[in-house]
Amino acid sequence: MALFNDEKLVSVDDGKPITRKDFLKLKKEYEDLKEENEILKAAAMILGKK
């Protein structure tokens, strides 16, 4: 039954439907990028102090 839930379409702001599975994948990628951005900001602050 989980397969059907992953294939369920969800609506996004631009009006193009995507599957729940794809939405969750994009959400994870977004969270990963936010975390990487914070790491890069911290590194820039450390390197900028030298």
Foldseek 3Di string as FASTA:
>chain_A
DVVVQQQDWDADPVGDIDGNVVVVVVVVVVVVVVVVVVVVVVVCVVVVVD
